[in-house]
Amino acid sequence: TSEPPVIVRILPRRSTLTRAAAGERYARQLIATNIDYVLV
């Protein structure tokens, strides 16, 4: 309830689109969440 507000928690994601981030160290990169369609 502060101003400006603070993001306290991420609510459960119903879908998650990711890829492996560039570089040698393994890391996942989120592209988008809570999506219905991916238009390629």
PDB file of all heavy atoms in Angstrom:
ATOM      1  N   THR A   1       0.807  -1.222   0.000  1.00  0.00           N
ATOM      2  CA  THR A   1       0.000   0.000   0.000  1.00  0.00           C
ATOM      3  C   THR A   1       0.834   1.264   0.000  1.00  0.00           C
ATOM      4  O   THR A   1       0.299   2.366   0.148  1.00  0.00           O
ATOM      5  CB  THR A   1      -0.933   0.008   1.221  1.00  0.00           C
ATOM      6  OG1 THR A   1      -0.155  -0.120   2.421  1.00  0.00           O
ATOM      7  CG2 THR A   1      -1.929  -1.150   1.135  1.00  0.00           C
ATOM      8  N   SER A   2       2.147   1.143  -0.160  1.00  0.00           N
ATOM      9  CA  SER A   2       2.989   2.336  -0.150  1.00  0.00           C
ATOM     10  C   SER A   2       2.844   3.106  -1.454  1.00  0.00           C
ATOM     11  O   SER A   2       2.267   2.628  -2.423  1.00  0.00           O
ATOM     12  CB  SER A   2       4.457   1.940   0.063  1.00  0.00           C
ATOM     13  OG  SER A   2       4.910   1.130  -1.008  1.00  0.00           O
ATOM     14  N   GLU A   3       3.385   4.318  -1.493  1.00  0.00           N
ATOM     15  CA  GLU A   3       3.391   5.146  -2.699  1.00  0.00           C
ATOM     16  C   GLU A   3       4.801   5.695  -2.913  1.00  0.00           C
ATOM     17  O   GLU A   3       5.292   6.436  -2.065  1.00  0.00           O
ATOM     18  CB  GLU A   3       2.383   6.302  -2.564  1.00  0.00           C
ATOM     19  CG  GLU A   3       0.933   5.852  -2.462  1.00  0.00           C
ATOM     20  CD  GLU A   3       0.438   5.086  -3.666  1.00  0.00           C
ATOM     21  OE1 GLU A   3       1.040   5.236  -4.751  1.00  0.00           O
ATOM     22  OE2 GLU A   3      -0.528   4.321  -3.534  1.00  0.00           O
ATOM     23  N   PRO A   4       5.464   5.353  -4.044  1.00  0.00           N
ATOM     24  CA  PRO A   4       4.977   4.410  -5.061  1.00  0.00           C
ATOM     25  C   PRO A   4       4.930   2.986  -4.509  1.00  0.00           C
ATOM     26  O   PRO A   4       5.678   2.656  -3.584  1.00  0.00           O
ATOM     27  CB  PRO A   4       6.014   4.544  -6.178  1.00  0.00           C
ATOM     28  CG  PRO A   4       7.270   4.947  -5.480  1.00  0.00           C
ATOM     29  CD  PRO A   4       6.829   5.853  -4.364  1.00  0.00           C
ATOM     30  N   PRO A   5       4.073   2.147  -5.050  1.00  0.00           N
ATOM     31  CA  PRO A   5       3.910   0.791  -4.524  1.00  0.00           C
ATOM     32  C   PRO A   5       5.128  -0.080  -4.774  1.00  0.00           C
ATOM     33  O   PRO A   5       5.923   0.172  -5.683  1.00  0.00           O
ATOM     34  CB  PRO A   5       2.686   0.262  -5.268  1.00  0.00           C
ATOM     35  CG  PRO A   5       2.656   1.048  -6.532  1.00  0.00           C
ATOM     36  CD  PRO A   5       3.171   2.409  -6.184  1.00  0.00           C
ATOM     37  N   VAL A   6       5.247  -1.115  -3.961  1.00  0.00           N
ATOM     38  CA  VAL A   6       6.339  -2.076  -4.071  1.00  0.00           C
ATOM     39  C   VAL A   6       5.756  -3.434  -4.467  1.00  0.00           C
ATOM     40  O   VAL A   6       4.724  -3.855  -3.927  1.00  0.00           O
ATOM     41  CB  VAL A   6       7.106  -2.199  -2.742  1.00  0.00           C
ATOM     42  CG1 VAL A   6       8.117  -3.353  -2.795  1.00  0.00           C
ATOM     43  CG2 VAL A   6       7.820  -0.894  -2.421  1.00  0.00           C
ATOM     44  N   ILE A   7       6.410  -4.089  -5.435  1.00  0.00           N
ATOM     45  CA  ILE A   7       6.011  -5.442  -5.830  1.00  0.00           C
ATOM     46  C   ILE A   7       6.492  -6.411  -4.762  1.00  0.00           C
ATOM     47  O   ILE A   7       7.693  -6.606  -4.570  1.00  0.00           O
ATOM     48  CB  ILE A   7       6.597  -5.818  -7.197  1.00  0.00           C
ATOM     49  CG1 ILE A   7       6.053  -4.887  -8.284  1.00  0.00           C
ATOM     50  CG2 ILE A   7       6.293  -7.276  -7.530  1.00  0.00           C
ATOM     51  CD1 ILE A   7       6.690  -5.105  -9.652  1.00  0.00           C
ATOM     52  N   VAL A   8       5.548  -6.995  -4.048  1.00  0.00           N
ATOM     53  CA  VAL A   8       5.873  -7.875  -2.929  1.00  0.00           C
ATOM     54  C   VAL A   8       6.028  -9.322  -3.370  1.00  0.00           C
ATOM     55  O   VAL A   8       6.907 -10.047  -2.914  1.00  0.00           O
ATOM     56  CB  VAL A   8       4.777  -7.776  -1.844  1.00  0.00           C
ATOM     57  CG1 VAL A   8       5.097  -8.731  -0.687  1.00  0.00           C
ATOM     58  CG2 VAL A   8       4.648  -6.354  -1.352  1.00  0.00           C
ATOM     59  N   ARG A   9       5.165  -9.752  -4.301  1.00  0.00           N
ATOM     60  CA  ARG A   9       5.168 -11.166  -4.680  1.00  0.00           C
ATOM     61  C   ARG A   9       4.649 -11.329  -6.103  1.00  0.00           C
ATOM     62  O   ARG A   9       3.791 -10.559  -6.558  1.00  0.00           O
ATOM     63  CB  ARG A   9       4.299 -11.975  -3.709  1.00  0.00           C
ATOM     64  CG  ARG A   9       4.225 -13.456  -3.966  1.00  0.00           C
ATOM     65  CD  ARG A   9       3.718 -14.191  -2.724  1.00  0.00           C
ATOM     66  NE  ARG A   9       2.423 -13.748  -2.275  1.00  0.00           N
ATOM     67  CZ  ARG A   9       1.254 -14.271  -2.665  1.00  0.00           C
ATOM     68  NH1 ARG A   9       1.257 -15.279  -3.550  1.00  0.00           N
ATOM     69  NH2 ARG A   9       0.115 -13.828  -2.189  1.00  0.00           N
ATOM     70  N   ILE A  10       5.174 -12.338  -6.799  1.00  0.00           N
ATOM     71  CA  ILE A  10       4.673 -12.713  -8.123  1.00  0.00           C
ATOM     72  C   ILE A  10       3.588 -13.763  -7.916  1.00  0.00           C
ATOM     73  O   ILE A  10       3.812 -14.776  -7.245  1.00  0.00           O
ATOM     74  CB  ILE A  10       5.798 -13.295  -9.000  1.00  0.00           C
ATOM     75  CG1 ILE A  10       6.929 -12.274  -9.165  1.00  0.00           C
ATOM     76  CG2 ILE A  10       5.262 -13.719 -10.362  1.00  0.00           C
ATOM     77  CD1 ILE A  10       8.175 -12.868  -9.804  1.00  0.00           C
ATOM     78  N   LEU A  11       2.423 -13.542  -8.494  1.00  0.00           N
ATOM     79  CA  LEU A  11       1.348 -14.525  -8.384  1.00  0.00           C
ATOM     80  C   LEU A  11       1.594 -15.673  -9.365  1.00  0.00           C
ATOM     81  O   LEU A  11       2.305 -15.504 -10.362  1.00  0.00           O
ATOM     82  CB  LEU A  11       0.011 -13.840  -8.645  1.00  0.00           C
ATOM     83  CG  LEU A  11      -0.319 -12.729  -7.624  1.00  0.00           C
ATOM     84  CD1 LEU A  11      -1.655 -12.082  -7.959  1.00  0.00           C
ATOM     85  CD2 LEU A  11      -0.332 -13.278  -6.205  1.00  0.00           C
ATOM     86  N   PRO A  12       1.037 -16.856  -9.108  1.00  0.00           N
ATOM     87  CA  PRO A  12       1.320 -18.033  -9.951  1.00  0.00           C
ATOM     88  C   PRO A  12       1.114 -17.757 -11.432  1.00  0.00           C
ATOM     89  O   PRO A  12       0.108 -17.152 -11.833  1.00  0.00           O
ATOM     90  CB  PRO A  12       0.330 -19.083  -9.419  1.00  0.00           C
ATOM     91  CG  PRO A  12       0.113 -18.695  -7.996  1.00  0.00           C
ATOM     92  CD  PRO A  12       0.143 -17.199  -7.978  1.00  0.00           C
ATOM     93  N   ARG A  13       2.071 -18.213 -12.240  1.00  0.00           N
ATOM     94  CA  ARG A  13       2.018 -18.029 -13.694  1.00  0.00           C
ATOM     95  C   ARG A  13       1.295 -19.198 -14.331  1.00  0.00           C
ATOM     96  O   ARG A  13       1.616 -20.348 -14.063  1.00  0.00           O
ATOM     97  CB  ARG A  13       3.448 -17.930 -14.248  1.00  0.00           C
ATOM     98  CG  ARG A  13       4.217 -16.711 -13.760  1.00  0.00           C
ATOM     99  CD  ARG A  13       5.713 -16.857 -13.950  1.00  0.00           C
ATOM    100  NE  ARG A  13       6.434 -15.616 -13.656  1.00  0.00           N
ATOM    101  CZ  ARG A  13       7.730 -15.552 -13.382  1.00  0.00           C
ATOM    102  NH1 ARG A  13       8.456 -16.677 -13.348  1.00  0.00           N
ATOM    103  NH2 ARG A  13       8.302 -14.383 -13.140  1.00  0.00           N
ATOM    104  N   ARG A  14       0.345 -18.913 -15.221  1.00  0.00           N
ATOM    105  CA  ARG A  14      -0.362 -19.994 -15.908  1.00  0.00           C
ATOM    106  C   ARG A  14       0.351 -20.416 -17.178  1.00  0.00           C
ATOM    107  O   ARG A  14       0.052 -21.471 -17.743  1.00  0.00           O
ATOM    108  CB  ARG A  14      -1.804 -19.593 -16.218  1.00  0.00           C
ATOM    109  CG  ARG A  14      -1.972 -18.354 -17.053  1.00  0.00           C
ATOM    110  CD  ARG A  14      -3.453 -17.956 -17.155  1.00  0.00           C
ATOM    111  NE  ARG A  14      -3.641 -16.668 -17.782  1.00  0.00           N
ATOM    112  CZ  ARG A  14      -3.610 -16.465 -19.086  1.00  0.00           C
ATOM    113  NH1 ARG A  14      -3.395 -17.483 -19.904  1.00  0.00           N
ATOM    114  NH2 ARG A  14      -3.782 -15.266 -19.577  1.00  0.00           N
ATOM    115  N   SER A  15       1.287 -19.610 -17.664  1.00  0.00           N
ATOM    116  CA  SER A  15       2.118 -19.992 -18.809  1.00  0.00           C
ATOM    117  C   SER A  15       3.400 -19.164 -18.750  1.00  0.00           C
ATOM    118  O   SER A  15       3.399 -18.030 -18.257  1.00  0.00           O
ATOM    119  CB  SER A  15       1.394 -19.759 -20.139  1.00  0.00           C
ATOM    120  OG  SER A  15       1.020 -18.407 -20.291  1.00  0.00           O
ATOM    121  N   THR A  16       4.479 -19.738 -19.256  1.00  0.00           N
ATOM    122  CA  THR A  16       5.779 -19.074 -19.197  1.00  0.00           C
ATOM    123  C   THR A  16       6.581 -19.417 -20.441  1.00  0.00           C
ATOM    124  O   THR A  16       6.822 -20.593 -20.723  1.00  0.00           O
ATOM    125  CB  THR A  16       6.582 -19.522 -17.955  1.00  0.00           C
ATOM    126  OG1 THR A  16       5.797 -19.301 -16.778  1.00  0.00           O
ATOM    127  CG2 THR A  16       7.874 -18.740 -17.831  1.00  0.00           C
ATOM    128  N   LEU A  17       6.999 -18.402 -21.182  1.00  0.00           N
ATOM    129  CA  LEU A  17       7.822 -18.602 -22.373  1.00  0.00           C
ATOM    130  C   LEU A  17       9.241 -18.162 -22.048  1.00  0.00           C
ATOM    131  O   LEU A  17       9.472 -17.014 -21.648  1.00  0.00           O
ATOM    132  CB  LEU A  17       7.277 -17.784 -23.543  1.00  0.00           C
ATOM    133  CG  LEU A  17       8.044 -17.900 -24.868  1.00  0.00           C
ATOM    134  CD1 LEU A  17       8.014 -19.332 -25.389  1.00  0.00           C
ATOM    135  CD2 LEU A  17       7.462 -16.944 -25.912  1.00  0.00           C
ATOM    136  N   THR A  18      10.202 -19.088 -22.188  1.00  0.00           N
ATOM    137  CA  THR A  18      11.585 -18.793 -21.849  1.00  0.00           C
ATOM    138  C   THR A  18      12.522 -19.256 -22.961  1.00  0.00           C
ATOM    139  O   THR A  18      12.151 -20.035 -23.829  1.00  0.00           O
ATOM    140  CB  THR A  18      12.003 -19.508 -20.539  1.00  0.00           C
ATOM    141  OG1 THR A  18      11.957 -20.930 -20.743  1.00  0.00           O
ATOM    142  CG2 THR A  18      11.100 -19.120 -19.387  1.00  0.00           C
ATOM    143  N   ARG A  19      13.742 -18.782 -22.885  1.00  0.00           N
ATOM    144  CA  ARG A  19      14.838 -19.293 -23.707  1.00  0.00           C
ATOM    145  C   ARG A  19      16.078 -19.279 -22.833  1.00  0.00           C
ATOM    146  O   ARG A  19      16.096 -18.661 -21.758  1.00  0.00           O
ATOM    147  CB  ARG A  19      15.057 -18.431 -24.943  1.00  0.00           C
ATOM    148  CG  ARG A  19      15.560 -17.024 -24.638  1.00  0.00           C
ATOM    149  CD  ARG A  19      16.007 -16.297 -25.887  1.00  0.00           C
ATOM    150  NE  ARG A  19      16.395 -14.922 -25.585  1.00  0.00           N
ATOM    151  CZ  ARG A  19      16.949 -14.095 -26.465  1.00  0.00           C
ATOM    152  NH1 ARG A  19      17.196 -14.501 -27.694  1.00  0.00           N
ATOM    153  NH2 ARG A  19      17.261 -12.861 -26.124  1.00  0.00           N
ATOM    154  N   ALA A  20      17.131 -19.956 -23.273  1.00  0.00           N
ATOM    155  CA  ALA A  20      18.396 -19.895 -22.562  1.00  0.00           C
ATOM    156  C   ALA A  20      19.081 -18.577 -22.938  1.00  0.00           C
ATOM    157  O   ALA A  20      19.129 -18.203 -24.111  1.00  0.00           O
ATOM    158  CB  ALA A  20      19.284 -21.074 -22.924  1.00  0.00           C
ATOM    159  N   ALA A  21      19.575 -17.870 -21.945  1.00  0.00           N
ATOM    160  CA  ALA A  21      20.213 -16.583 -22.192  1.00  0.00           C
ATOM    161  C   ALA A  21      21.521 -16.771 -22.947  1.00  0.00           C
ATOM    162  O   ALA A  21      22.176 -17.823 -22.847  1.00  0.00           O
ATOM    163  CB  ALA A  21      20.471 -15.859 -20.868  1.00  0.00           C
ATOM    164  N   ALA A  22      21.896 -15.767 -23.713  1.00  0.00           N
ATOM    165  CA  ALA A  22      23.154 -15.818 -24.457  1.00  0.00           C
ATOM    166  C   ALA A  22      24.328 -15.869 -23.487  1.00  0.00           C
ATOM    167  O   ALA A  22      24.258 -15.396 -22.363  1.00  0.00           O
ATOM    168  CB  ALA A  22      23.263 -14.603 -25.374  1.00  0.00           C
ATOM    169  N   GLY A  23      25.431 -16.462 -23.939  1.00  0.00           N
ATOM    170  CA  GLY A  23      26.612 -16.567 -23.091  1.00  0.00           C
ATOM    171  C   GLY A  23      26.863 -17.989 -22.642  1.00  0.00           C
ATOM    172  O   GLY A  23      26.022 -18.885 -22.803  1.00  0.00           O
ATOM    173  N   GLU A  24      28.028 -18.218 -22.040  1.00  0.00           N
ATOM    174  CA  GLU A  24      28.413 -19.572 -21.638  1.00  0.00           C
ATOM    175  C   GLU A  24      27.776 -19.993 -20.315  1.00  0.00           C
ATOM    176  O   GLU A  24      27.546 -21.170 -20.096  1.00  0.00           O
ATOM    177  CB  GLU A  24      29.943 -19.663 -21.537  1.00  0.00           C
ATOM    178  CG  GLU A  24      30.645 -19.459 -22.887  1.00  0.00           C
ATOM    179  CD  GLU A  24      32.141 -19.649 -22.774  1.00  0.00           C
ATOM    180  OE1 GLU A  24      32.610 -19.998 -21.670  1.00  0.00           O
ATOM    181  OE2 GLU A  24      32.831 -19.453 -23.779  1.00  0.00           O
ATOM    182  N   ARG A  25      27.514 -19.040 -19.424  1.00  0.00           N
ATOM    183  CA  ARG A  25      26.905 -19.393 -18.139  1.00  0.00           C
ATOM    184  C   ARG A  25      25.429 -19.689 -18.340  1.00  0.00           C
ATOM    185  O   ARG A  25      24.706 -18.906 -18.946  1.00  0.00           O
ATOM    186  CB  ARG A  25      27.072 -18.240 -17.142  1.00  0.00           C
ATOM    187  CG  ARG A  25      26.607 -18.574 -15.733  1.00  0.00           C
ATOM    188  CD  ARG A  25      26.878 -17.410 -14.803  1.00  0.00           C
ATOM    189  NE  ARG A  25      26.041 -16.271 -15.124  1.00  0.00           N
ATOM    190  CZ  ARG A  25      24.797 -16.095 -14.666  1.00  0.00           C
ATOM    191  NH1 ARG A  25      24.249 -17.013 -13.869  1.00  0.00           N
ATOM    192  NH2 ARG A  25      24.096 -15.028 -14.989  1.00  0.00           N
ATOM    193  N   TYR A  26      24.973 -20.845 -17.826  1.00  0.00           N
ATOM    194  CA  TYR A  26      23.580 -21.241 -18.044  1.00  0.00           C
ATOM    195  C   TYR A  26      22.649 -20.340 -17.246  1.00  0.00           C
ATOM    196  O   TYR A  26      22.804 -20.158 -16.041  1.00  0.00           O
ATOM    197  CB  TYR A  26      23.349 -22.695 -17.636  1.00  0.00           C
ATOM    198  CG  TYR A  26      21.948 -23.170 -17.981  1.00  0.00           C
ATOM    199  CD1 TYR A  26      21.700 -23.843 -19.169  1.00  0.00           C
ATOM    200  CD2 TYR A  26      20.871 -22.900 -17.144  1.00  0.00           C
ATOM    201  CE1 TYR A  26      20.419 -24.257 -19.508  1.00  0.00           C
ATOM    202  CE2 TYR A  26      19.589 -23.311 -17.475  1.00  0.00           C
ATOM    203  CZ  TYR A  26      19.380 -23.982 -18.657  1.00  0.00           C
ATOM    204  OH  TYR A  26      18.104 -24.379 -18.994  1.00  0.00           O
ATOM    205  N   ALA A  27      21.672 -19.773 -17.921  1.00  0.00           N
ATOM    206  CA  ALA A  27      20.631 -18.982 -17.276  1.00  0.00           C
ATOM    207  C   ALA A  27      19.420 -18.953 -18.183  1.00  0.00           C
ATOM    208  O   ALA A  27      19.551 -18.924 -19.412  1.00  0.00           O
ATOM    209  CB  ALA A  27      21.119 -17.559 -16.988  1.00  0.00           C
ATOM    210  N   ARG A  28      18.244 -18.986 -17.580  1.00  0.00           N
ATOM    211  CA  ARG A  28      17.021 -18.879 -18.356  1.00  0.00           C
ATOM    212  C   ARG A  28      16.599 -17.416 -18.438  1.00  0.00           C
ATOM    213  O   ARG A  28      16.699 -16.677 -17.466  1.00  0.00           O
ATOM    214  CB  ARG A  28      15.905 -19.699 -17.721  1.00  0.00           C
ATOM    215  CG  ARG A  28      16.068 -21.204 -17.877  1.00  0.00           C
ATOM    216  CD  ARG A  28      14.906 -21.925 -17.224  1.00  0.00           C
ATOM    217  NE  ARG A  28      14.815 -21.614 -15.801  1.00  0.00           N
ATOM    218  CZ  ARG A  28      13.720 -21.785 -15.063  1.00  0.00           C
ATOM    219  NH1 ARG A  28      12.619 -22.232 -15.626  1.00  0.00           N
ATOM    220  NH2 ARG A  28      13.719 -21.502 -13.782  1.00  0.00           N
ATOM    221  N   GLN A  29      16.117 -17.036 -19.589  1.00  0.00           N
ATOM    222  CA  GLN A  29      15.629 -15.678 -19.786  1.00  0.00           C
ATOM    223  C   GLN A  29      14.135 -15.738 -20.071  1.00  0.00           C
ATOM    224  O   GLN A  29      13.689 -16.402 -20.997  1.00  0.00           O
ATOM    225  CB  GLN A  29      16.350 -14.992 -20.942  1.00  0.00           C
ATOM    226  CG  GLN A  29      15.871 -13.571 -21.183  1.00  0.00           C
ATOM    227  CD  GLN A  29      16.535 -12.933 -22.386  1.00  0.00           C
ATOM    228  OE1 GLN A  29      16.967 -13.628 -23.299  1.00  0.00           O
ATOM    229  NE2 GLN A  29      16.617 -11.622 -22.392  1.00  0.00           N
ATOM    230  N   LEU A  30      13.359 -15.046 -19.253  1.00  0.00           N
ATOM    231  CA  LEU A  30      11.924 -14.994 -19.465  1.00  0.00           C
ATOM    232  C   LEU A  30      11.604 -14.069 -20.629  1.00  0.00           C
ATOM    233  O   LEU A  30      12.110 -12.948 -20.709  1.00  0.00           O
ATOM    234  CB  LEU A  30      11.226 -14.473 -18.212  1.00  0.00           C
ATOM    235  CG  LEU A  30      10.976 -15.473 -17.081  1.00  0.00           C
ATOM    236  CD1 LEU A  30      10.347 -14.772 -15.895  1.00  0.00           C
ATOM    237  CD2 LEU A  30      10.076 -16.589 -17.541  1.00  0.00           C
ATOM    238  N   ILE A  31      10.774 -14.529 -21.537  1.00  0.00           N
ATOM    239  CA  ILE A  31      10.312 -13.696 -22.649  1.00  0.00           C
ATOM    240  C   ILE A  31       8.974 -13.063 -22.300  1.00  0.00           C
ATOM    241  O   ILE A  31       8.775 -11.858 -22.488  1.00  0.00           O
ATOM    242  CB  ILE A  31      10.210 -14.530 -23.932  1.00  0.00           C
ATOM    243  CG1 ILE A  31      11.588 -15.085 -24.301  1.00  0.00           C
ATOM    244  CG2 ILE A  31       9.643 -13.686 -25.083  1.00  0.00           C
ATOM    245  CD1 ILE A  31      11.554 -16.066 -25.454  1.00  0.00           C
ATOM    246  N   ALA A  32       8.042 -13.849 -21.778  1.00  0.00           N
ATOM    247  CA  ALA A  32       6.745 -13.321 -21.362  1.00  0.00           C
ATOM    248  C   ALA A  32       6.032 -14.384 -20.540  1.00  0.00           C
ATOM    249  O   ALA A  32       6.335 -15.576 -20.633  1.00  0.00           O
ATOM    250  CB  ALA A  32       5.898 -12.942 -22.573  1.00  0.00           C
ATOM    251  N   THR A  33       5.071 -13.942 -19.722  1.00  0.00           N
ATOM    252  CA  THR A  33       4.312 -14.871 -18.886  1.00  0.00           C
ATOM    253  C   THR A  33       2.807 -14.614 -19.037  1.00  0.00           C
ATOM    254  O   THR A  33       2.380 -13.571 -19.520  1.00  0.00           O
ATOM    255  CB  THR A  33       4.680 -14.705 -17.399  1.00  0.00           C
ATOM    256  OG1 THR A  33       4.238 -13.415 -16.949  1.00  0.00           O
ATOM    257  CG2 THR A  33       6.184 -14.822 -17.191  1.00  0.00           C
ATOM    258  N   ASN A  34       2.030 -15.603 -18.597  1.00  0.00           N
ATOM    259  CA  ASN A  34       0.568 -15.504 -18.619  1.00  0.00           C
ATOM    260  C   ASN A  34       0.042 -15.159 -20.013  1.00  0.00           C
ATOM    261  O   ASN A  34      -0.783 -14.252 -20.190  1.00  0.00           O
ATOM    262  CB  ASN A  34       0.087 -14.479 -17.589  1.00  0.00           C
ATOM    263  CG  ASN A  34       0.444 -14.874 -16.172  1.00  0.00           C
ATOM    264  OD1 ASN A  34       0.203 -16.006 -15.751  1.00  0.00           O
ATOM    265  ND2 ASN A  34       1.050 -13.960 -15.433  1.00  0.00           N
ATOM    266  N   ILE A  35       0.514 -15.904 -20.985  1.00  0.00           N
ATOM    267  CA  ILE A  35       0.140 -15.661 -22.378  1.00  0.00           C
ATOM    268  C   ILE A  35      -0.712 -16.820 -22.896  1.00  0.00           C
ATOM    269  O   ILE A  35      -0.589 -17.954 -22.436  1.00  0.00           O
ATOM    270  CB  ILE A  35       1.392 -15.485 -23.272  1.00  0.00           C
ATOM    271  CG1 ILE A  35       2.383 -16.619 -23.022  1.00  0.00           C
ATOM    272  CG2 ILE A  35       2.045 -14.139 -23.044  1.00  0.00           C
ATOM    273  CD1 ILE A  35       3.639 -16.563 -23.836  1.00  0.00           C
ATOM    274  N   ASP A  36      -1.565 -16.507 -23.868  1.00  0.00           N
ATOM    275  CA  ASP A  36      -2.419 -17.527 -24.473  1.00  0.00           C
ATOM    276  C   ASP A  36      -1.866 -17.999 -25.809  1.00  0.00           C
ATOM    277  O   ASP A  36      -1.946 -19.180 -26.134  1.00  0.00           O
ATOM    278  CB  ASP A  36      -3.827 -16.959 -24.671  1.00  0.00           C
ATOM    279  CG  ASP A  36      -4.473 -16.578 -23.347  1.00  0.00           C
ATOM    280  OD1 ASP A  36      -4.859 -17.495 -22.602  1.00  0.00           O
ATOM    281  OD2 ASP A  36      -4.564 -15.371 -23.057  1.00  0.00           O
ATOM    282  N   TYR A  37      -1.312 -17.067 -26.595  1.00  0.00           N
ATOM    283  CA  TYR A  37      -0.798 -17.394 -27.928  1.00  0.00           C
ATOM    284  C   TYR A  37       0.561 -16.732 -28.140  1.00  0.00           C
ATOM    285  O   TYR A  37       0.798 -15.607 -27.706  1.00  0.00           O
ATOM    286  CB  TYR A  37      -1.763 -16.906 -29.021  1.00  0.00           C
ATOM    287  CG  TYR A  37      -3.142 -17.506 -28.920  1.00  0.00           C
ATOM    288  CD1 TYR A  37      -4.192 -16.791 -28.341  1.00  0.00           C
ATOM    289  CD2 TYR A  37      -3.411 -18.790 -29.394  1.00  0.00           C
ATOM    290  CE1 TYR A  37      -5.461 -17.335 -28.233  1.00  0.00           C
ATOM    291  CE2 TYR A  37      -4.678 -19.339 -29.297  1.00  0.00           C
ATOM    292  CZ  TYR A  37      -5.690 -18.608 -28.709  1.00  0.00           C
ATOM    293  OH  TYR A  37      -6.949 -19.158 -28.603  1.00  0.00           O
ATOM    294  N   VAL A  38       1.436 -17.457 -28.821  1.00  0.00           N
ATOM    295  CA  VAL A  38       2.720 -16.912 -29.255  1.00  0.00           C
ATOM    296  C   VAL A  38       2.672 -16.776 -30.763  1.00  0.00           C
ATOM    297  O   VAL A  38       2.583 -17.776 -31.479  1.00  0.00           O
ATOM    298  CB  VAL A  38       3.895 -17.817 -28.842  1.00  0.00           C
ATOM    299  CG1 VAL A  38       5.222 -17.164 -29.256  1.00  0.00           C
ATOM    300  CG2 VAL A  38       3.889 -18.077 -27.339  1.00  0.00           C
ATOM    301  N   LEU A  39       2.690 -15.544 -31.268  1.00  0.00           N
ATOM    302  CA  LEU A  39       2.656 -15.299 -32.695  1.00  0.00           C
ATOM    303  C   LEU A  39       4.095 -15.225 -33.205  1.00  0.00           C
ATOM    304  O   LEU A  39       4.833 -14.292 -32.883  1.00  0.00           O
ATOM    305  CB  LEU A  39       1.914 -13.996 -33.006  1.00  0.00           C
ATOM    306  CG  LEU A  39       0.500 -13.869 -32.415  1.00  0.00           C
ATOM    307  CD1 LEU A  39      -0.167 -12.587 -32.917  1.00  0.00           C
ATOM    308  CD2 LEU A  39      -0.360 -15.082 -32.743  1.00  0.00           C
ATOM    309  N   VAL A  40       4.500 -16.237 -33.974  1.00  0.00           N
ATOM    310  CA  VAL A  40       5.862 -16.326 -34.505  1.00  0.00           C
ATOM    311  C   VAL A  40       5.868 -15.680 -35.885  1.00  0.00           C
ATOM    312  O   VAL A  40       5.300 -16.225 -36.836  1.00  0.00           O
ATOM    313  CB  VAL A  40       6.333 -17.792 -34.590  1.00  0.00           C
ATOM    314  CG1 VAL A  40       7.771 -17.846 -35.105  1.00  0.00           C
ATOM    315  CG2 VAL A  40       6.217 -18.473 -33.228  1.00  0.00           C
TER     316      VAL A  40
END
